[in-house]
């Protein structure tokens, strides 16, 4: 009887620990989402300001450069997507290029947490969902995500007792794994935004304004100089094509 009571106490202790872990993660996710919303809002405001100041000038510069290219006999594909080649390179043939480490991680997860390795219906369902995520991570080559899933599966394995696990524990572990993934996704999104060129420009403008410098005015002058140079190139190119100017040998 004392052994049973001890086992029940241990299980309840583990459940309480997981509840507290989930609560902490949910707080971190909420804070991270607030940070992400702030970063997005700040960048959107800056982009509107940026486009209102220099956007039209860049459009004008692009038109001049396009006309120069046309007169030089260069062709443009109006529908060209600069990212399409990169997307194709990591597309359907990617799984043939997985690293040995990624393959090893995948095999390790599958060997430990395959749904067929348990007879408990609830645990089988959880393992099935885990393997769906594992396969998705493997196909996309997400080594870090696969490692996280391995650790999440190990956490599940650590609390199993006689091949069984409570429904609440399964739910807690699933929510903990989802919260960790959401937190990681938010951090990645924030990092992607803050490492972008437009965000770096935003920071430079803000730093200049603190020092009472007008970086936007400098940007306008810079683009205006580029427009002037492009206009001169276009003017001389037209003269050359019309035969009014001889090309130096």
C-alpha atoms as a PDB file:
ATOM      1  CA  UNK A   1       0.000   0.000   0.000  1.00  0.00           C
ATOM      2  CA  UNK A   2       2.813   2.421   0.883  1.00  0.00           C
ATOM      3  CA  UNK A   3       4.443   1.746  -2.506  1.00  0.00           C
ATOM      4  CA  UNK A   4       1.207   2.625  -4.297  1.00  0.00           C
ATOM      5  CA  UNK A   5       0.841   5.831  -2.284  1.00  0.00           C
ATOM      6  CA  UNK A   6       4.446   6.764  -3.056  1.00  0.00           C
ATOM      7  CA  UNK A   7       3.866   6.095  -6.749  1.00  0.00           C
ATOM      8  CA  UNK A   8       0.757   8.268  -6.769  1.00  0.00           C
ATOM      9  CA  UNK A   9       2.591  11.034  -4.925  1.00  0.00           C
ATOM     10  CA  UNK A  10       5.466  10.892  -7.432  1.00  0.00           C
ATOM     11  CA  UNK A  11       3.061  11.094 -10.339  1.00  0.00           C
ATOM     12  CA  UNK A  12       1.213  14.059  -8.826  1.00  0.00           C
ATOM     13  CA  UNK A  13       4.529  15.775  -8.129  1.00  0.00           C
ATOM     14  CA  UNK A  14       5.545  15.316 -11.782  1.00  0.00           C
ATOM     15  CA  UNK A  15       2.167  16.570 -12.967  1.00  0.00           C
ATOM     16  CA  UNK A  16       2.474  19.677 -10.802  1.00  0.00           C
ATOM     17  CA  UNK A  17       5.986  20.317 -12.112  1.00  0.00           C
ATOM     18  CA  UNK A  18       4.704  20.102 -15.680  1.00  0.00           C
ATOM     19  CA  UNK A  19       1.774  22.411 -14.910  1.00  0.00           C
ATOM     20  CA  UNK A  20       4.182  25.019 -13.558  1.00  0.00           C
ATOM     21  CA  UNK A  21       6.476  24.576 -16.573  1.00  0.00           C
ATOM     22  CA  UNK A  22       3.548  25.094 -18.946  1.00  0.00           C
ATOM     23  CA  UNK A  23       2.375  28.181 -17.059  1.00  0.00           C
ATOM     24  CA  UNK A  24       5.861  29.689 -17.266  1.00  0.00           C
ATOM     25  CA  UNK A  25       6.109  28.914 -20.972  1.00  0.00           C
ATOM     26  CA  UNK A  26       2.694  30.442 -21.663  1.00  0.00           C
ATOM     27  CA  UNK A  27       3.824  33.629 -19.913  1.00  0.00           C
ATOM     28  CA  UNK A  28       7.015  33.697 -22.010  1.00  0.00           C
ATOM     29  CA  UNK A  29       5.015  33.123 -25.199  1.00  0.00           C
ATOM     30  CA  UNK A  30       2.636  35.958 -24.310  1.00  0.00           C
ATOM     31  CA  UNK A  31       5.546  38.320 -23.647  1.00  0.00           C
ATOM     32  CA  UNK A  32       7.278  37.247 -26.868  1.00  0.00           C
ATOM     33  CA  UNK A  33       4.093  37.805 -28.890  1.00  0.00           C
ATOM     34  CA  UNK A  34       3.832  41.310 -27.424  1.00  0.00           C
ATOM     35  CA  UNK A  35       7.448  41.958 -28.426  1.00  0.00           C
ATOM     36  CA  UNK A  36       6.827  40.642 -31.930  1.00  0.00           C
ATOM     37  CA  UNK A  37       3.740  42.813 -32.331  1.00  0.00           C
ATOM     38  CA  UNK A  38       5.756  45.839 -31.243  1.00  0.00           C
ATOM     39  CA  UNK A  39       8.577  45.082 -33.682  1.00  0.00           C
ATOM     40  CA  UNK A  40       6.112  44.603 -36.546  1.00  0.00           C
ATOM     41  CA  UNK A  41       4.192  47.766 -35.719  1.00  0.00           C
ATOM     42  CA  UNK A  42       7.377  49.828 -35.479  1.00  0.00           C
ATOM     43  CA  UNK A  43       8.679  48.496 -38.779  1.00  0.00           C
ATOM     44  CA  UNK A  44       5.370  49.077 -40.559  1.00  0.00           C
ATOM     45  CA  UNK A  45       5.303  52.684 -39.374  1.00  0.00           C
ATOM     46  CA  UNK A  46       8.870  53.190 -40.567  1.00  0.00           C
ATOM     47  CA  UNK A  47       8.192  51.579 -43.961  1.00  0.00           C
ATOM     48  CA  UNK A  48       5.251  53.925 -44.549  1.00  0.00           C
ATOM     49  CA  UNK A  49       7.434  56.878 -43.651  1.00  0.00           C
ATOM     50  CA  UNK A  50      10.321  55.598 -45.765  1.00  0.00           C
ATOM     51  CA  UNK A  51       8.166  55.051 -48.842  1.00  0.00           C
ATOM     52  CA  UNK A  52       6.558  58.453 -48.488  1.00  0.00           C
ATOM     53  CA  UNK A  53       9.991  60.119 -48.466  1.00  0.00           C
ATOM     54  CA  UNK A  54      12.091  58.146 -50.949  1.00  0.00           C
ATOM     55  CA  UNK A  55       9.744  55.572 -52.479  1.00  0.00           C
ATOM     56  CA  UNK A  56       8.742  57.712 -55.475  1.00  0.00           C
ATOM     57  CA  UNK A  57      12.385  58.573 -56.116  1.00  0.00           C
ATOM     58  CA  UNK A  58      13.373  54.915 -56.222  1.00  0.00           C
ATOM     59  CA  UNK A  59      10.501  54.253 -58.641  1.00  0.00           C
ATOM     60  CA  UNK A  60      11.799  57.022 -60.874  1.00  0.00           C
ATOM     61  CA  UNK A  61      15.328  55.631 -60.704  1.00  0.00           C
ATOM     62  CA  UNK A  62      14.080  52.150 -61.571  1.00  0.00           C
ATOM     63  CA  UNK A  63      12.244  53.456 -64.658  1.00  0.00           C
ATOM     64  CA  UNK A  64      15.378  55.212 -65.910  1.00  0.00           C
ATOM     65  CA  UNK A  65      17.548  52.142 -65.341  1.00  0.00           C
ATOM     66  CA  UNK A  66      14.999  49.971 -67.135  1.00  0.00           C
ATOM     67  CA  UNK A  67      14.975  52.334 -70.118  1.00  0.00           C
ATOM     68  CA  UNK A  68      18.774  52.274 -70.245  1.00  0.00           C
ATOM     69  CA  UNK A  69      18.742  48.486 -70.224  1.00  0.00           C
ATOM     70  CA  UNK A  70      16.117  48.425 -72.991  1.00  0.00           C
ATOM     71  CA  UNK A  71      18.167  50.696 -75.215  1.00  0.00           C
ATOM     72  CA  UNK A  72      21.193  48.477 -74.600  1.00  0.00           C
ATOM     73  CA  UNK A  73      19.256  45.463 -75.834  1.00  0.00           C
ATOM     74  CA  UNK A  74      18.843  43.782 -72.472  1.00  0.00           C
ATOM     75  CA  UNK A  75      15.643  41.871 -71.816  1.00  0.00           C
ATOM     76  CA  UNK A  76      13.650  41.813 -68.616  1.00  0.00           C
ATOM     77  CA  UNK A  77      11.233  39.166 -67.398  1.00  0.00           C
ATOM     78  CA  UNK A  78       8.470  41.177 -65.737  1.00  0.00           C
ATOM     79  CA  UNK A  79       7.204  38.070 -63.911  1.00  0.00           C
ATOM     80  CA  UNK A  80      10.610  36.968 -62.629  1.00  0.00           C
ATOM     81  CA  UNK A  81      10.643  36.031 -58.946  1.00  0.00           C
ATOM     82  CA  UNK A  82      14.126  36.298 -57.501  1.00  0.00           C
ATOM     83  CA  UNK A  83      13.367  33.656 -54.874  1.00  0.00           C
ATOM     84  CA  UNK A  84      12.043  31.000 -57.249  1.00  0.00           C
ATOM     85  CA  UNK A  85      15.437  29.448 -57.986  1.00  0.00           C
ATOM     86  CA  UNK A  86      16.318  29.177 -54.332  1.00  0.00           C
ATOM     87  CA  UNK A  87      12.924  27.632 -53.600  1.00  0.00           C
ATOM     88  CA  UNK A  88      13.472  25.073 -56.329  1.00  0.00           C
ATOM     89  CA  UNK A  89      16.894  24.159 -55.021  1.00  0.00           C
ATOM     90  CA  UNK A  90      15.468  23.178 -51.644  1.00  0.00           C
ATOM     91  CA  UNK A  91      12.347  21.596 -53.030  1.00  0.00           C
ATOM     92  CA  UNK A  92      11.368  18.066 -53.900  1.00  0.00           C
ATOM     93  CA  UNK A  93      14.891  16.675 -54.121  1.00  0.00           C
ATOM     94  CA  UNK A  94      16.021  17.954 -50.750  1.00  0.00           C
ATOM     95  CA  UNK A  95      15.654  14.718 -48.795  1.00  0.00           C
ATOM     96  CA  UNK A  96      18.435  13.197 -50.892  1.00  0.00           C
ATOM     97  CA  UNK A  97      20.810  15.821 -49.521  1.00  0.00           C
ATOM     98  CA  UNK A  98      20.125  15.424 -45.801  1.00  0.00           C
ATOM     99  CA  UNK A  99      23.162  15.351 -43.571  1.00  0.00           C
ATOM    100  CA  UNK A 100      24.204  12.195 -41.792  1.00  0.00           C
ATOM    101  CA  UNK A 101      23.441  13.899 -38.474  1.00  0.00           C
ATOM    102  CA  UNK A 102      19.898  14.664 -39.573  1.00  0.00           C
ATOM    103  CA  UNK A 103      19.344  11.086 -40.727  1.00  0.00           C
ATOM    104  CA  UNK A 104      20.719   9.766 -37.457  1.00  0.00           C
ATOM    105  CA  UNK A 105      18.402  12.031 -35.447  1.00  0.00           C
ATOM    106  CA  UNK A 106      15.428  10.918 -37.480  1.00  0.00           C
ATOM    107  CA  UNK A 107      16.200   7.234 -36.992  1.00  0.00           C
ATOM    108  CA  UNK A 108      16.706   7.759 -33.270  1.00  0.00           C
ATOM    109  CA  UNK A 109      13.339   9.456 -32.834  1.00  0.00           C
ATOM    110  CA  UNK A 110      11.540   6.862 -34.948  1.00  0.00           C
ATOM    111  CA  UNK A 111      13.181   4.003 -33.068  1.00  0.00           C
ATOM    112  CA  UNK A 112      12.186   5.387 -29.657  1.00  0.00           C
ATOM    113  CA  UNK A 113       8.794   6.939 -30.214  1.00  0.00           C
ATOM    114  CA  UNK A 114       7.094   5.114 -33.074  1.00  0.00           C
ATOM    115  CA  UNK A 115       3.332   4.661 -32.349  1.00  0.00           C
ATOM    116  CA  UNK A 116       3.571   0.888 -32.840  1.00  0.00           C
ATOM    117  CA  UNK A 117       5.827   0.617 -29.797  1.00  0.00           C
ATOM    118  CA  UNK A 118       2.995   1.176 -27.310  1.00  0.00           C
ATOM    119  CA  UNK A 119      -0.387  -0.420 -26.651  1.00  0.00           C
ATOM    120  CA  UNK A 120      -1.861   2.560 -24.767  1.00  0.00           C
ATOM    121  CA  UNK A 121      -4.378   4.334 -27.096  1.00  0.00           C
ATOM    122  CA  UNK A 122      -3.712   7.782 -25.635  1.00  0.00           C
ATOM    123  CA  UNK A 123       0.033   7.383 -25.813  1.00  0.00           C
ATOM    124  CA  UNK A 124      -0.236   5.950 -29.336  1.00  0.00           C
ATOM    125  CA  UNK A 125      -2.150   9.067 -30.443  1.00  0.00           C
ATOM    126  CA  UNK A 126       0.458  11.348 -28.913  1.00  0.00           C
ATOM    127  CA  UNK A 127       3.283   9.406 -30.542  1.00  0.00           C
ATOM    128  CA  UNK A 128       1.489   9.586 -33.870  1.00  0.00           C
ATOM    129  CA  UNK A 129       1.312  13.393 -33.611  1.00  0.00           C
ATOM    130  CA  UNK A 130       4.950  13.474 -32.570  1.00  0.00           C
ATOM    131  CA  UNK A 131       5.958  11.458 -35.638  1.00  0.00           C
ATOM    132  CA  UNK A 132       3.960  13.768 -37.919  1.00  0.00           C
ATOM    133  CA  UNK A 133       6.051  16.664 -36.616  1.00  0.00           C
ATOM    134  CA  UNK A 134       9.211  14.563 -36.890  1.00  0.00           C
ATOM    135  CA  UNK A 135       8.543  13.742 -40.547  1.00  0.00           C
ATOM    136  CA  UNK A 136       7.774  17.370 -41.315  1.00  0.00           C
ATOM    137  CA  UNK A 137      11.015  18.501 -39.669  1.00  0.00           C
ATOM    138  CA  UNK A 138      13.010  15.845 -41.519  1.00  0.00           C
ATOM    139  CA  UNK A 139      11.571  16.705 -44.928  1.00  0.00           C
ATOM    140  CA  UNK A 140      12.347  20.402 -44.418  1.00  0.00           C
ATOM    141  CA  UNK A 141      15.858  19.650 -43.132  1.00  0.00           C
ATOM    142  CA  UNK A 142      15.122  21.366 -39.793  1.00  0.00           C
ATOM    143  CA  UNK A 143      17.818  19.762 -37.657  1.00  0.00           C
ATOM    144  CA  UNK A 144      17.186  21.999 -34.628  1.00  0.00           C
ATOM    145  CA  UNK A 145      13.468  21.232 -34.690  1.00  0.00           C
ATOM    146  CA  UNK A 146      14.180  17.504 -34.910  1.00  0.00           C
ATOM    147  CA  UNK A 147      16.445  17.766 -31.880  1.00  0.00           C
ATOM    148  CA  UNK A 148      13.685  19.578 -29.967  1.00  0.00           C
ATOM    149  CA  UNK A 149      11.212  16.827 -30.851  1.00  0.00           C
ATOM    150  CA  UNK A 150      13.673  14.202 -29.677  1.00  0.00           C
ATOM    151  CA  UNK A 151      13.968  15.979 -26.332  1.00  0.00           C
ATOM    152  CA  UNK A 152      10.182  16.333 -26.082  1.00  0.00           C
ATOM    153  CA  UNK A 153       9.794  12.627 -26.745  1.00  0.00           C
ATOM    154  CA  UNK A 154      12.435  11.857 -24.139  1.00  0.00           C
ATOM    155  CA  UNK A 155      10.440  13.869 -21.612  1.00  0.00           C
ATOM    156  CA  UNK A 156       7.402  11.764 -22.386  1.00  0.00           C
ATOM    157  CA  UNK A 157       9.404   8.565 -22.035  1.00  0.00           C
ATOM    158  CA  UNK A 158      10.825   9.684 -18.679  1.00  0.00           C
ATOM    159  CA  UNK A 159       7.397   9.950 -17.034  1.00  0.00           C
ATOM    160  CA  UNK A 160       5.979   6.671 -18.324  1.00  0.00           C
ATOM    161  CA  UNK A 161       5.142   4.132 -15.640  1.00  0.00           C
ATOM    162  CA  UNK A 162       4.683   0.470 -16.579  1.00  0.00           C
ATOM    163  CA  UNK A 163       4.059   1.452 -20.196  1.00  0.00           C
ATOM    164  CA  UNK A 164       1.188   3.813 -19.271  1.00  0.00           C
ATOM    165  CA  UNK A 165       0.867   7.571 -18.984  1.00  0.00           C
ATOM    166  CA  UNK A 166      -2.041   9.630 -17.708  1.00  0.00           C
ATOM    167  CA  UNK A 167      -4.235  11.595 -20.085  1.00  0.00           C
ATOM    168  CA  UNK A 168      -3.372  14.823 -18.265  1.00  0.00           C
ATOM    169  CA  UNK A 169       0.355  14.165 -18.612  1.00  0.00           C
ATOM    170  CA  UNK A 170      -0.022  13.562 -22.348  1.00  0.00           C
ATOM    171  CA  UNK A 171      -1.959  16.804 -22.682  1.00  0.00           C
ATOM    172  CA  UNK A 172       0.584  18.736 -20.616  1.00  0.00           C
ATOM    173  CA  UNK A 173       3.544  17.392 -22.585  1.00  0.00           C
ATOM    174  CA  UNK A 174       1.826  18.204 -25.858  1.00  0.00           C
ATOM    175  CA  UNK A 175       1.030  21.754 -24.752  1.00  0.00           C
ATOM    176  CA  UNK A 176       4.572  22.222 -23.427  1.00  0.00           C
ATOM    177  CA  UNK A 177       6.026  21.069 -26.758  1.00  0.00           C
ATOM    178  CA  UNK A 178       3.662  23.392 -28.649  1.00  0.00           C
ATOM    179  CA  UNK A 179       4.524  26.334 -26.396  1.00  0.00           C
ATOM    180  CA  UNK A 180       8.252  25.734 -26.868  1.00  0.00           C
ATOM    181  CA  UNK A 181       7.801  25.573 -30.619  1.00  0.00           C
ATOM    182  CA  UNK A 182       5.696  28.744 -30.641  1.00  0.00           C
ATOM    183  CA  UNK A 183       8.328  30.516 -28.560  1.00  0.00           C
ATOM    184  CA  UNK A 184      11.077  29.364 -30.928  1.00  0.00           C
ATOM    185  CA  UNK A 185       9.031  30.462 -33.964  1.00  0.00           C
ATOM    186  CA  UNK A 186       8.480  33.924 -32.483  1.00  0.00           C
ATOM    187  CA  UNK A 187      12.166  34.366 -31.656  1.00  0.00           C
ATOM    188  CA  UNK A 188      13.083  33.302 -35.198  1.00  0.00           C
ATOM    189  CA  UNK A 189      10.572  35.739 -36.677  1.00  0.00           C
ATOM    190  CA  UNK A 190      11.883  38.591 -34.530  1.00  0.00           C
ATOM    191  CA  UNK A 191      15.450  37.730 -35.526  1.00  0.00           C
ATOM    192  CA  UNK A 192      14.506  37.650 -39.221  1.00  0.00           C
ATOM    193  CA  UNK A 193      12.873  41.069 -38.956  1.00  0.00           C
ATOM    194  CA  UNK A 194      15.643  42.721 -36.951  1.00  0.00           C
ATOM    195  CA  UNK A 195      18.330  41.357 -39.292  1.00  0.00           C
ATOM    196  CA  UNK A 196      16.603  42.705 -42.419  1.00  0.00           C
ATOM    197  CA  UNK A 197      18.115  45.676 -44.254  1.00  0.00           C
ATOM    198  CA  UNK A 198      15.021  47.830 -43.815  1.00  0.00           C
ATOM    199  CA  UNK A 199      15.077  47.266 -40.039  1.00  0.00           C
ATOM    200  CA  UNK A 200      18.781  48.091 -39.870  1.00  0.00           C
ATOM    201  CA  UNK A 201      18.031  51.297 -41.765  1.00  0.00           C
ATOM    202  CA  UNK A 202      15.274  52.034 -39.261  1.00  0.00           C
ATOM    203  CA  UNK A 203      17.758  51.698 -36.409  1.00  0.00           C
ATOM    204  CA  UNK A 204      20.266  53.962 -38.158  1.00  0.00           C
ATOM    205  CA  UNK A 205      17.599  56.618 -38.725  1.00  0.00           C
ATOM    206  CA  UNK A 206      16.520  56.431 -35.076  1.00  0.00           C
ATOM    207  CA  UNK A 207      20.105  56.678 -33.866  1.00  0.00           C
ATOM    208  CA  UNK A 208      20.716  59.676 -36.131  1.00  0.00           C
ATOM    209  CA  UNK A 209      17.575  61.393 -34.861  1.00  0.00           C
ATOM    210  CA  UNK A 210      18.769  60.991 -31.277  1.00  0.00           C
ATOM    211  CA  UNK A 211      21.916  62.824 -32.372  1.00  0.00           C
ATOM    212  CA  UNK A 212      19.697  65.415 -34.102  1.00  0.00           C
ATOM    213  CA  UNK A 213      20.829  64.328 -37.560  1.00  0.00           C
ATOM    214  CA  UNK A 214      18.385  63.928 -40.463  1.00  0.00           C
ATOM    215  CA  UNK A 215      19.374  60.671 -42.130  1.00  0.00           C
ATOM    216  CA  UNK A 216      16.270  60.776 -44.309  1.00  0.00           C
ATOM    217  CA  UNK A 217      17.475  64.028 -45.850  1.00  0.00           C
ATOM    218  CA  UNK A 218      20.791  62.347 -46.624  1.00  0.00           C
ATOM    219  CA  UNK A 219      18.924  59.430 -48.222  1.00  0.00           C
ATOM    220  CA  UNK A 220      16.943  61.794 -50.419  1.00  0.00           C
ATOM    221  CA  UNK A 221      20.129  63.527 -51.581  1.00  0.00           C
ATOM    222  CA  UNK A 222      21.777  60.184 -52.246  1.00  0.00           C
ATOM    223  CA  UNK A 223      18.885  58.900 -54.376  1.00  0.00           C
ATOM    224  CA  UNK A 224      18.616  62.235 -56.185  1.00  0.00           C
ATOM    225  CA  UNK A 225      22.305  61.957 -57.127  1.00  0.00           C
ATOM    226  CA  UNK A 226      21.693  58.446 -58.431  1.00  0.00           C
ATOM    227  CA  UNK A 227      18.743  59.679 -60.468  1.00  0.00           C
ATOM    228  CA  UNK A 228      20.843  62.513 -61.915  1.00  0.00           C
ATOM    229  CA  UNK A 229      23.630  60.101 -62.909  1.00  0.00           C
ATOM    230  CA  UNK A 230      21.130  57.714 -64.483  1.00  0.00           C
ATOM    231  CA  UNK A 231      19.482  60.549 -66.408  1.00  0.00           C
ATOM    232  CA  UNK A 232      22.880  61.615 -67.754  1.00  0.00           C
ATOM    233  CA  UNK A 233      23.685  58.048 -68.807  1.00  0.00           C
ATOM    234  CA  UNK A 234      20.321  57.776 -70.554  1.00  0.00           C
ATOM    235  CA  UNK A 235      20.797  61.114 -72.298  1.00  0.00           C
ATOM    236  CA  UNK A 236      24.252  60.211 -73.649  1.00  0.00           C
ATOM    237  CA  UNK A 237      23.108  56.736 -74.635  1.00  0.00           C
ATOM    238  CA  UNK A 238      20.319  58.211 -76.717  1.00  0.00           C
ATOM    239  CA  UNK A 239      22.753  60.609 -78.381  1.00  0.00           C
ATOM    240  CA  UNK A 240      25.056  57.711 -79.236  1.00  0.00           C
ATOM    241  CA  UNK A 241      22.185  55.638 -80.679  1.00  0.00           C
ATOM    242  CA  UNK A 242      21.004  58.621 -82.720  1.00  0.00           C
ATOM    243  CA  UNK A 243      24.530  59.031 -84.146  1.00  0.00           C
ATOM    244  CA  UNK A 244      25.046  62.483 -82.711  1.00  0.00           C
ATOM    245  CA  UNK A 245      27.935  61.386 -80.536  1.00  0.00           C
ATOM    246  CA  UNK A 246      30.840  59.212 -81.637  1.00  0.00           C
ATOM    247  CA  UNK A 247      31.912  56.407 -79.336  1.00  0.00           C
ATOM    248  CA  UNK A 248      35.572  56.677 -78.344  1.00  0.00           C
ATOM    249  CA  UNK A 249      37.700  53.896 -79.790  1.00  0.00           C
END
